[in-house]
Every structure is written in structure tokens, then in C-alpha cells.
Amino acid sequence: MRGAMILLPVILLAGCKDEPDFEARYDKAAEEIEARAKAMDADIAESETAANAAGDPAKTPTQVVEPGGKIPRVHPEPLPETVNPTNPPASSGE
């Protein structure tokens, strides 16, 4: 019984290990995010290549946004003539 009492703290201390500090966790998260972003960019490029090869008239962006850069303003395209936007009927106020 005394042997168990002496070994118990040793076993508990052996099971504990230091948690990684903030810098290590931040670096790991940044690497994971960057890897995901590169995978998404590759998927988008692959789908655009496949769409262009299939003759899909999908528009490709005219401006490329650099990583970490500002997003350029894009003017909206007008609605096609076949679309007739409507407003809801005016309320009577009652």
C-alpha cells in the first residue's frame, strides 16, 4: 500500500505534459489556414479550367486580388431585360 502511495504522484506527473504556448498554437493554426486557402484556390482554378474547357459562359473575374490586398470595388451589372423588379403594393396605413 505504501508503494502505491509513493508511485501515484510519480505516475500522475508522468501523465502531465506542458501545453504548447501561444506562439506555437498560433503558428500551427496559421499553417492550417494557409493550407486550406491554397487547397480552395486550387479547387477554384480547377473548376474554372473545367468550365472554360466545357464552353461554360461563366464569367471569370477581371481583377485578381492579391493575398492581403484590398478588395477592389466592382460595379454591379444591370439586370437583364427579361427581369422586371417590382416593389410591394403601398400600404393603406391602417
PDB file of N, CA and C in Angstrom:
ATOM      1  N   MET A   1       0.820  -1.185   0.000  1.00  0.00           N
ATOM      2  CA  MET A   1       0.000   0.000   0.000  1.00  0.00           C
ATOM      3  C   MET A   1       0.870   1.258   0.000  1.00  0.00           C
ATOM      4  N   ARG A   2       1.941   1.230   0.783  1.00  0.00           N
ATOM      5  CA  ARG A   2       2.845   2.376   0.816  1.00  0.00           C
ATOM      6  C   ARG A   2       3.510   2.579  -0.542  1.00  0.00           C
ATOM      7  N   GLY A   3       3.793   1.472  -1.210  1.00  0.00           N
ATOM      8  CA  GLY A   3       4.408   1.571  -2.541  1.00  0.00           C
ATOM      9  C   GLY A   3       3.471   2.252  -3.531  1.00  0.00           C
ATOM     10  N   ALA A   4       2.183   1.948  -3.419  1.00  0.00           N
ATOM     11  CA  ALA A   4       1.197   2.574  -4.299  1.00  0.00           C
ATOM     12  C   ALA A   4       1.093   4.063  -4.018  1.00  0.00           C
ATOM     13  N   MET A   5       1.165   4.451  -2.757  1.00  0.00           N
ATOM     14  CA  MET A   5       1.078   5.860  -2.379  1.00  0.00           C
ATOM     15  C   MET A   5       2.295   6.641  -2.894  1.00  0.00           C
ATOM     16  N   ILE A   6       3.435   5.985  -2.950  1.00  0.00           N
ATOM     17  CA  ILE A   6       4.632   6.656  -3.442  1.00  0.00           C
ATOM     18  C   ILE A   6       4.608   6.741  -4.970  1.00  0.00           C
ATOM     19  N   LEU A   7       4.120   5.691  -5.611  1.00  0.00           N
ATOM     20  CA  LEU A   7       4.111   5.666  -7.074  1.00  0.00           C
ATOM     21  C   LEU A   7       2.997   6.516  -7.684  1.00  0.00           C
ATOM     22  N   LEU A   8       1.925   6.751  -6.959  1.00  0.00           N
ATOM     23  CA  LEU A   8       0.791   7.504  -7.501  1.00  0.00           C
ATOM     24  C   LEU A   8       1.206   8.908  -7.961  1.00  0.00           C
ATOM     25  N   PRO A   9       1.888   9.710  -7.162  1.00  0.00           N
ATOM     26  CA  PRO A   9       2.297  11.036  -7.666  1.00  0.00           C
ATOM     27  C   PRO A   9       3.260  10.955  -8.845  1.00  0.00           C
ATOM     28  N   VAL A  10       4.113   9.956  -8.862  1.00  0.00           N
ATOM     29  CA  VAL A  10       5.056   9.804  -9.966  1.00  0.00           C
ATOM     30  C   VAL A  10       4.302   9.503 -11.255  1.00  0.00           C
ATOM     31  N   ILE A  11       3.309   8.648 -11.155  1.00  0.00           N
ATOM     32  CA  ILE A  11       2.506   8.285 -12.339  1.00  0.00           C
ATOM     33  C   ILE A  11       1.714   9.494 -12.815  1.00  0.00           C
ATOM     34  N   LEU A  12       1.150  10.249 -11.876  1.00  0.00           N
ATOM     35  CA  LEU A  12       0.376  11.435 -12.265  1.00  0.00           C
ATOM     36  C   LEU A  12       1.264  12.484 -12.933  1.00  0.00           C
ATOM     37  N   LEU A  13       2.451  12.686 -12.421  1.00  0.00           N
ATOM     38  CA  LEU A  13       3.362  13.654 -13.035  1.00  0.00           C
ATOM     39  C   LEU A  13       3.853  13.197 -14.397  1.00  0.00           C
ATOM     40  N   ALA A  14       3.998  11.902 -14.566  1.00  0.00           N
ATOM     41  CA  ALA A  14       4.445  11.393 -15.864  1.00  0.00           C
ATOM     42  C   ALA A  14       3.368  11.592 -16.926  1.00  0.00           C
ATOM     43  N   GLY A  15       2.096  11.593 -16.521  1.00  0.00           N
ATOM     44  CA  GLY A  15       0.998  11.765 -17.471  1.00  0.00           C
ATOM     45  C   GLY A  15       0.799  13.202 -17.893  1.00  0.00           C
ATOM     46  N   CYS A  16       1.330  14.140 -17.142  1.00  0.00           N
ATOM     47  CA  CYS A  16       1.180  15.555 -17.467  1.00  0.00           C
ATOM     48  C   CYS A  16       2.291  15.994 -18.415  1.00  0.00           C
ATOM     49  N   LYS A  17       1.920  16.794 -19.368  1.00  0.00           N
ATOM     50  CA  LYS A  17       2.935  17.374 -20.229  1.00  0.00           C
ATOM     51  C   LYS A  17       2.594  18.838 -20.433  1.00  0.00           C
ATOM     52  N   ASP A  18       3.561  19.596 -20.797  1.00  0.00           N
ATOM     53  CA  ASP A  18       3.363  21.029 -20.962  1.00  0.00           C
ATOM     54  C   ASP A  18       2.464  21.301 -22.161  1.00  0.00           C
ATOM     55  N   GLU A  19       1.557  22.275 -21.984  1.00  0.00           N
ATOM     56  CA  GLU A  19       0.721  22.718 -23.091  1.00  0.00           C
ATOM     57  C   GLU A  19       1.575  23.595 -24.003  1.00  0.00           C
ATOM     58  N   PRO A  20       1.329  23.570 -25.310  1.00  0.00           N
ATOM     59  CA  PRO A  20       2.098  24.457 -26.192  1.00  0.00           C
ATOM     60  C   PRO A  20       1.757  25.915 -25.889  1.00  0.00           C
ATOM     61  N   ASP A  21       2.724  26.784 -26.032  1.00  0.00           N
ATOM     62  CA  ASP A  21       2.485  28.190 -25.760  1.00  0.00           C
ATOM     63  C   ASP A  21       1.698  28.836 -26.905  1.00  0.00           C
ATOM     64  N   PHE A  22       1.338  30.085 -26.715  1.00  0.00           N
ATOM     65  CA  PHE A  22       0.505  30.782 -27.691  1.00  0.00           C
ATOM     66  C   PHE A  22       1.158  30.833 -29.063  1.00  0.00           C
ATOM     67  N   GLU A  23       2.440  31.129 -29.100  1.00  0.00           N
ATOM     68  CA  GLU A  23       3.140  31.252 -30.382  1.00  0.00           C
ATOM     69  C   GLU A  23       3.088  29.951 -31.178  1.00  0.00           C
ATOM     70  N   ALA A  24       3.284  28.824 -30.504  1.00  0.00           N
ATOM     71  CA  ALA A  24       3.259  27.532 -31.196  1.00  0.00           C
ATOM     72  C   ALA A  24       1.854  27.237 -31.720  1.00  0.00           C
ATOM     73  N   ARG A  25       0.839  27.513 -30.903  1.00  0.00           N
ATOM     74  CA  ARG A  25      -0.541  27.278 -31.360  1.00  0.00           C
ATOM     75  C   ARG A  25      -0.900  28.215 -32.508  1.00  0.00           C
ATOM     76  N   TYR A  26      -0.455  29.471 -32.440  1.00  0.00           N
ATOM     77  CA  TYR A  26      -0.734  30.435 -33.499  1.00  0.00           C
ATOM     78  C   TYR A  26      -0.083  30.007 -34.807  1.00  0.00           C
ATOM     79  N   ASP A  27       1.168  29.608 -34.736  1.00  0.00           N
ATOM     80  CA  ASP A  27       1.879  29.175 -35.949  1.00  0.00           C
ATOM     81  C   ASP A  27       1.212  27.962 -36.570  1.00  0.00           C
ATOM     82  N   LYS A  28       0.787  27.023 -35.742  1.00  0.00           N
ATOM     83  CA  LYS A  28       0.120  25.825 -36.255  1.00  0.00           C
ATOM     84  C   LYS A  28      -1.199  26.193 -36.930  1.00  0.00           C
ATOM     85  N   ALA A  29      -1.985  27.072 -36.294  1.00  0.00           N
ATOM     86  CA  ALA A  29      -3.264  27.492 -36.877  1.00  0.00           C
ATOM     87  C   ALA A  29      -3.043  28.252 -38.183  1.00  0.00           C
ATOM     88  N   ALA A  30      -2.018  29.107 -38.221  1.00  0.00           N
ATOM     89  CA  ALA A  30      -1.735  29.871 -39.438  1.00  0.00           C
ATOM     90  C   ALA A  30      -1.350  28.948 -40.591  1.00  0.00           C
ATOM     91  N   GLU A  31      -0.564  27.922 -40.300  1.00  0.00           N
ATOM     92  CA  GLU A  31      -0.188  26.959 -41.337  1.00  0.00           C
ATOM     93  C   GLU A  31      -1.408  26.200 -41.852  1.00  0.00           C
ATOM     94  N   GLU A  32      -2.300  25.803 -40.942  1.00  0.00           N
ATOM     95  CA  GLU A  32      -3.502  25.090 -41.362  1.00  0.00           C
ATOM     96  C   GLU A  32      -4.395  25.970 -42.224  1.00  0.00           C
ATOM     97  N   ILE A  33      -4.552  27.226 -41.838  1.00  0.00           N
ATOM     98  CA  ILE A  33      -5.391  28.144 -42.614  1.00  0.00           C
ATOM     99  C   ILE A  33      -4.792  28.382 -43.993  1.00  0.00           C
ATOM    100  N   GLU A  34      -3.487  28.553 -44.054  1.00  0.00           N
ATOM    101  CA  GLU A  34      -2.833  28.774 -45.337  1.00  0.00           C
ATOM    102  C   GLU A  34      -2.964  27.553 -46.245  1.00  0.00           C
ATOM    103  N   ALA A  35      -2.844  26.362 -45.660  1.00  0.00           N
ATOM    104  CA  ALA A  35      -3.000  25.137 -46.451  1.00  0.00           C
ATOM    105  C   ALA A  35      -4.425  25.015 -46.984  1.00  0.00           C
ATOM    106  N   ARG A  36      -5.405  25.348 -46.156  1.00  0.00           N
ATOM    107  CA  ARG A  36      -6.803  25.301 -46.615  1.00  0.00           C
ATOM    108  C   ARG A  36      -7.050  26.307 -47.732  1.00  0.00           C
ATOM    109  N   ALA A  37      -6.492  27.503 -47.587  1.00  0.00           N
ATOM    110  CA  ALA A  37      -6.678  28.534 -48.606  1.00  0.00           C
ATOM    111  C   ALA A  37      -6.070  28.098 -49.935  1.00  0.00           C
ATOM    112  N   LYS A  38      -4.880  27.507 -49.878  1.00  0.00           N
ATOM    113  CA  LYS A  38      -4.251  27.030 -51.118  1.00  0.00           C
ATOM    114  C   LYS A  38      -5.077  25.917 -51.751  1.00  0.00           C
ATOM    115  N   ALA A  39      -5.642  25.023 -50.930  1.00  0.00           N
ATOM    116  CA  ALA A  39      -6.478  23.950 -51.467  1.00  0.00           C
ATOM    117  C   ALA A  39      -7.734  24.522 -52.116  1.00  0.00           C
ATOM    118  N   MET A  40      -8.338  25.545 -51.495  1.00  0.00           N
ATOM    119  CA  MET A  40      -9.527  26.176 -52.076  1.00  0.00           C
ATOM    120  C   MET A  40      -9.179  26.860 -53.392  1.00  0.00           C
ATOM    121  N   ASP A  41      -8.052  27.576 -53.426  1.00  0.00           N
ATOM    122  CA  ASP A  41      -7.631  28.231 -54.666  1.00  0.00           C
ATOM    123  C   ASP A  41      -7.406  27.210 -55.774  1.00  0.00           C
ATOM    124  N   ALA A  42      -6.811  26.074 -55.437  1.00  0.00           N
ATOM    125  CA  ALA A  42      -6.582  25.027 -56.433  1.00  0.00           C
ATOM    126  C   ALA A  42      -7.908  24.462 -56.934  1.00  0.00           C
ATOM    127  N   ASP A  43      -8.875  24.263 -56.027  1.00  0.00           N
ATOM    128  CA  ASP A  43     -10.186  23.754 -56.438  1.00  0.00           C
ATOM    129  C   ASP A  43     -10.894  24.740 -57.354  1.00  0.00           C
ATOM    130  N   ILE A  44     -10.813  26.021 -57.008  1.00  0.00           N
ATOM    131  CA  ILE A  44     -11.462  27.043 -57.838  1.00  0.00           C
ATOM    132  C   ILE A  44     -10.815  27.096 -59.214  1.00  0.00           C
ATOM    133  N   ALA A  45      -9.495  27.065 -59.255  1.00  0.00           N
ATOM    134  CA  ALA A  45      -8.805  27.105 -60.545  1.00  0.00           C
ATOM    135  C   ALA A  45      -9.145  25.881 -61.385  1.00  0.00           C
ATOM    136  N   GLU A  46      -9.246  24.733 -60.735  1.00  0.00           N
ATOM    137  CA  GLU A  46      -9.596  23.501 -61.460  1.00  0.00           C
ATOM    138  C   GLU A  46     -10.999  23.586 -62.024  1.00  0.00           C
ATOM    139  N   SER A  47     -11.950  24.094 -61.224  1.00  0.00           N
ATOM    140  CA  SER A  47     -13.322  24.185 -61.717  1.00  0.00           C
ATOM    141  C   SER A  47     -13.448  25.224 -62.827  1.00  0.00           C
ATOM    142  N   GLU A  48     -12.699  26.334 -62.720  1.00  0.00           N
ATOM    143  CA  GLU A  48     -12.726  27.328 -63.791  1.00  0.00           C
ATOM    144  C   GLU A  48     -12.129  26.766 -65.077  1.00  0.00           C
ATOM    145  N   THR A  49     -11.064  26.000 -64.957  1.00  0.00           N
ATOM    146  CA  THR A  49     -10.448  25.378 -66.134  1.00  0.00           C
ATOM    147  C   THR A  49     -11.416  24.402 -66.779  1.00  0.00           C
ATOM    148  N   ALA A  50     -12.098  23.610 -65.965  1.00  0.00           N
ATOM    149  CA  ALA A  50     -13.066  22.648 -66.499  1.00  0.00           C
ATOM    150  C   ALA A  50     -14.238  23.367 -67.149  1.00  0.00           C
ATOM    151  N   ALA A  51     -14.700  24.473 -66.537  1.00  0.00           N
ATOM    152  CA  ALA A  51     -15.821  25.226 -67.101  1.00  0.00           C
ATOM    153  C   ALA A  51     -15.415  25.866 -68.430  1.00  0.00           C
ATOM    154  N   ASN A  52     -14.204  26.397 -68.507  1.00  0.00           N
ATOM    155  CA  ASN A  52     -13.740  27.005 -69.759  1.00  0.00           C
ATOM    156  C   ASN A  52     -13.573  25.950 -70.843  1.00  0.00           C
ATOM    157  N   ALA A  53     -13.103  24.770 -70.470  1.00  0.00           N
ATOM    158  CA  ALA A  53     -12.939  23.698 -71.447  1.00  0.00           C
ATOM    159  C   ALA A  53     -14.292  23.203 -71.948  1.00  0.00           C
ATOM    160  N   ALA A  54     -15.309  23.253 -71.090  1.00  0.00           N
ATOM    161  CA  ALA A  54     -16.641  22.794 -71.476  1.00  0.00           C
ATOM    162  C   ALA A  54     -17.399  23.873 -72.244  1.00  0.00           C
ATOM    163  N   GLY A  55     -16.843  25.062 -72.310  1.00  0.00           N
ATOM    164  CA  GLY A  55     -17.520  26.132 -73.038  1.00  0.00           C
ATOM    165  C   GLY A  55     -18.563  26.818 -72.198  1.00  0.00           C
ATOM    166  N   ASP A  56     -18.480  26.701 -70.905  1.00  0.00           N
ATOM    167  CA  ASP A  56     -19.424  27.345 -69.995  1.00  0.00           C
ATOM    168  C   ASP A  56     -19.205  28.845 -70.053  1.00  0.00           C
ATOM    169  N   PRO A  57     -20.269  29.620 -70.251  1.00  0.00           N
ATOM    170  CA  PRO A  57     -20.090  31.065 -70.374  1.00  0.00           C
ATOM    171  C   PRO A  57     -19.916  31.778 -69.036  1.00  0.00           C
ATOM    172  N   ALA A  58     -19.553  31.069 -67.990  1.00  0.00           N
ATOM    173  CA  ALA A  58     -19.362  31.709 -66.683  1.00  0.00           C
ATOM    174  C   ALA A  58     -18.253  32.743 -66.789  1.00  0.00           C
ATOM    175  N   LYS A  59     -18.477  33.863 -66.165  1.00  0.00           N
ATOM    176  CA  LYS A  59     -17.511  34.949 -66.250  1.00  0.00           C
ATOM    177  C   LYS A  59     -16.386  34.718 -65.253  1.00  0.00           C
ATOM    178  N   THR A  60     -15.205  35.007 -65.696  1.00  0.00           N
ATOM    179  CA  THR A  60     -14.062  34.936 -64.801  1.00  0.00           C
ATOM    180  C   THR A  60     -13.784  36.348 -64.300  1.00  0.00           C
ATOM    181  N   PRO A  61     -13.298  36.498 -63.099  1.00  0.00           N
ATOM    182  CA  PRO A  61     -13.051  37.849 -62.594  1.00  0.00           C
ATOM    183  C   PRO A  61     -11.992  38.565 -63.419  1.00  0.00           C
ATOM    184  N   THR A  62     -12.242  39.849 -63.639  1.00  0.00           N
ATOM    185  CA  THR A  62     -11.306  40.629 -64.452  1.00  0.00           C
ATOM    186  C   THR A  62     -10.133  41.124 -63.629  1.00  0.00           C
ATOM    187  N   GLN A  63     -10.322  41.244 -62.329  1.00  0.00           N
ATOM    188  CA  GLN A  63      -9.248  41.703 -61.473  1.00  0.00           C
ATOM    189  C   GLN A  63      -8.867  40.590 -60.515  1.00  0.00           C
ATOM    190  N   VAL A  64      -7.590  40.447 -60.305  1.00  0.00           N
ATOM    191  CA  VAL A  64      -7.096  39.443 -59.371  1.00  0.00           C
ATOM    192  C   VAL A  64      -6.751  40.156 -58.075  1.00  0.00           C
ATOM    193  N   VAL A  65      -7.236  39.623 -56.972  1.00  0.00           N
ATOM    194  CA  VAL A  65      -6.962  40.213 -55.672  1.00  0.00           C
ATOM    195  C   VAL A  65      -5.749  39.521 -55.082  1.00  0.00           C
ATOM    196  N   GLU A  66      -4.750  40.309 -54.752  1.00  0.00           N
ATOM    197  CA  GLU A  66      -3.546  39.758 -54.152  1.00  0.00           C
ATOM    198  C   GLU A  66      -3.836  39.377 -52.709  1.00  0.00           C
ATOM    199  N   PRO A  67      -3.241  38.289 -52.216  1.00  0.00           N
ATOM    200  CA  PRO A  67      -3.445  37.931 -50.811  1.00  0.00           C
ATOM    201  C   PRO A  67      -2.998  39.068 -49.902  1.00  0.00           C
ATOM    202  N   GLY A  68      -3.860  39.428 -48.977  1.00  0.00           N
ATOM    203  CA  GLY A  68      -3.560  40.515 -48.058  1.00  0.00           C
ATOM    204  C   GLY A  68      -3.839  41.887 -48.643  1.00  0.00           C
ATOM    205  N   GLY A  69      -4.265  41.939 -49.895  1.00  0.00           N
ATOM    206  CA  GLY A  69      -4.550  43.219 -50.527  1.00  0.00           C
ATOM    207  C   GLY A  69      -5.989  43.629 -50.302  1.00  0.00           C
ATOM    208  N   LYS A  70      -6.314  44.819 -50.770  1.00  0.00           N
ATOM    209  CA  LYS A  70      -7.678  45.304 -50.641  1.00  0.00           C
ATOM    210  C   LYS A  70      -8.534  44.724 -51.750  1.00  0.00           C
ATOM    211  N   ILE A  71      -9.800  44.563 -51.463  1.00  0.00           N
ATOM    212  CA  ILE A  71     -10.734  44.043 -52.455  1.00  0.00           C
ATOM    213  C   ILE A  71     -11.187  45.224 -53.317  1.00  0.00           C
ATOM    214  N   PRO A  72     -11.030  45.120 -54.638  1.00  0.00           N
ATOM    215  CA  PRO A  72     -11.426  46.253 -55.496  1.00  0.00           C
ATOM    216  C   PRO A  72     -12.948  46.369 -55.570  1.00  0.00           C
ATOM    217  N   ARG A  73     -13.407  47.586 -55.768  1.00  0.00           N
ATOM    218  CA  ARG A  73     -14.850  47.793 -55.930  1.00  0.00           C
ATOM    219  C   ARG A  73     -15.267  47.290 -57.312  1.00  0.00           C
ATOM    220  N   VAL A  74     -16.414  46.645 -57.349  1.00  0.00           N
ATOM    221  CA  VAL A  74     -16.947  46.140 -58.605  1.00  0.00           C
ATOM    222  C   VAL A  74     -18.318  46.758 -58.790  1.00  0.00           C
ATOM    223  N   HIS A  75     -18.540  47.365 -59.946  1.00  0.00           N
ATOM    224  CA  HIS A  75     -19.838  47.960 -60.222  1.00  0.00           C
ATOM    225  C   HIS A  75     -20.807  46.849 -60.610  1.00  0.00           C
ATOM    226  N   PRO A  76     -22.026  46.877 -60.070  1.00  0.00           N
ATOM    227  CA  PRO A  76     -22.983  45.821 -60.387  1.00  0.00           C
ATOM    228  C   PRO A  76     -23.418  45.890 -61.844  1.00  0.00           C
ATOM    229  N   GLU A  77     -23.712  44.734 -62.386  1.00  0.00           N
ATOM    230  CA  GLU A  77     -24.197  44.678 -63.759  1.00  0.00           C
ATOM    231  C   GLU A  77     -25.704  44.912 -63.748  1.00  0.00           C
ATOM    232  N   PRO A  78     -26.229  45.564 -64.771  1.00  0.00           N
ATOM    233  CA  PRO A  78     -27.677  45.778 -64.806  1.00  0.00           C
ATOM    234  C   PRO A  78     -28.413  44.455 -64.998  1.00  0.00           C
ATOM    235  N   LEU A  79     -29.666  44.441 -64.550  1.00  0.00           N
ATOM    236  CA  LEU A  79     -30.482  43.241 -64.706  1.00  0.00           C
ATOM    237  C   LEU A  79     -30.810  43.033 -66.179  1.00  0.00           C
ATOM    238  N   PRO A  80     -30.975  41.781 -66.596  1.00  0.00           N
ATOM    239  CA  PRO A  80     -31.385  41.544 -67.984  1.00  0.00           C
ATOM    240  C   PRO A  80     -32.776  42.117 -68.229  1.00  0.00           C
ATOM    241  N   GLU A  81     -33.091  42.359 -69.502  1.00  0.00           N
ATOM    242  CA  GLU A  81     -34.379  42.953 -69.873  1.00  0.00           C
ATOM    243  C   GLU A  81     -35.547  42.051 -69.479  1.00  0.00           C
ATOM    244  N   THR A  82     -35.308  40.750 -69.367  1.00  0.00           N
ATOM    245  CA  THR A  82     -36.396  39.824 -69.050  1.00  0.00           C
ATOM    246  C   THR A  82     -36.797  39.889 -67.587  1.00  0.00           C
ATOM    247  N   VAL A  83     -35.975  40.482 -66.753  1.00  0.00           N
ATOM    248  CA  VAL A  83     -36.274  40.581 -65.327  1.00  0.00           C
ATOM    249  C   VAL A  83     -36.955  41.903 -65.059  1.00  0.00           C
ATOM    250  N   ASN A  84     -38.099  41.881 -64.375  1.00  0.00           N
ATOM    251  CA  ASN A  84     -38.854  43.075 -64.068  1.00  0.00           C
ATOM    252  C   ASN A  84     -38.952  43.201 -62.546  1.00  0.00           C
ATOM    253  N   PRO A  85     -38.063  43.955 -61.917  1.00  0.00           N
ATOM    254  CA  PRO A  85     -38.151  44.084 -60.471  1.00  0.00           C
ATOM    255  C   PRO A  85     -39.387  44.878 -60.079  1.00  0.00           C
ATOM    256  N   THR A  86     -40.050  44.447 -59.038  1.00  0.00           N
ATOM    257  CA  THR A  86     -41.262  45.131 -58.596  1.00  0.00           C
ATOM    258  C   THR A  86     -41.147  45.453 -57.122  1.00  0.00           C
ATOM    259  N   ASN A  87     -41.876  46.454 -56.729  1.00  0.00           N
ATOM    260  CA  ASN A  87     -41.983  46.821 -55.325  1.00  0.00           C
ATOM    261  C   ASN A  87     -43.299  46.291 -54.783  1.00  0.00           C
ATOM    262  N   PRO A  88     -43.380  46.041 -53.481  1.00  0.00           N
ATOM    263  CA  PRO A  88     -44.660  45.589 -52.922  1.00  0.00           C
ATOM    264  C   PRO A  88     -45.682  46.704 -53.004  1.00  0.00           C
ATOM    265  N   PRO A  89     -46.987  46.364 -53.019  1.00  0.00           N
ATOM    266  CA  PRO A  89     -48.012  47.402 -53.082  1.00  0.00           C
ATOM    267  C   PRO A  89     -47.926  48.330 -51.870  1.00  0.00           C
ATOM    268  N   ALA A  90     -48.296  49.576 -52.080  1.00  0.00           N
ATOM    269  CA  ALA A  90     -48.241  50.560 -50.992  1.00  0.00           C
ATOM    270  C   ALA A  90     -49.242  50.192 -49.917  1.00  0.00           C
ATOM    271  N   SER A  91     -48.879  50.453 -48.693  1.00  0.00           N
ATOM    272  CA  SER A  91     -49.762  50.168 -47.563  1.00  0.00           C
ATOM    273  C   SER A  91     -50.802  51.276 -47.430  1.00  0.00           C
ATOM    274  N   SER A  92     -51.987  50.908 -46.971  1.00  0.00           N
ATOM    275  CA  SER A  92     -53.032  51.900 -46.794  1.00  0.00           C
ATOM    276  C   SER A  92     -52.846  52.658 -45.489  1.00  0.00           C
ATOM    277  N   GLY A  93     -51.964  52.196 -44.630  1.00  0.00           N
ATOM    278  CA  GLY A  93     -51.690  52.879 -43.390  1.00  0.00           C
ATOM    279  C   GLY A  93     -52.634  52.503 -42.263  1.00  0.00           C
ATOM    280  N   GLU A  94     -53.532  51.581 -42.514  1.00  0.00           N
ATOM    281  CA  GLU A  94     -54.488  51.189 -41.467  1.00  0.00           C
ATOM    282  C   GLU A  94     -53.931  50.152 -40.562  1.00  0.00           C
TER     283      GLU A  94
END
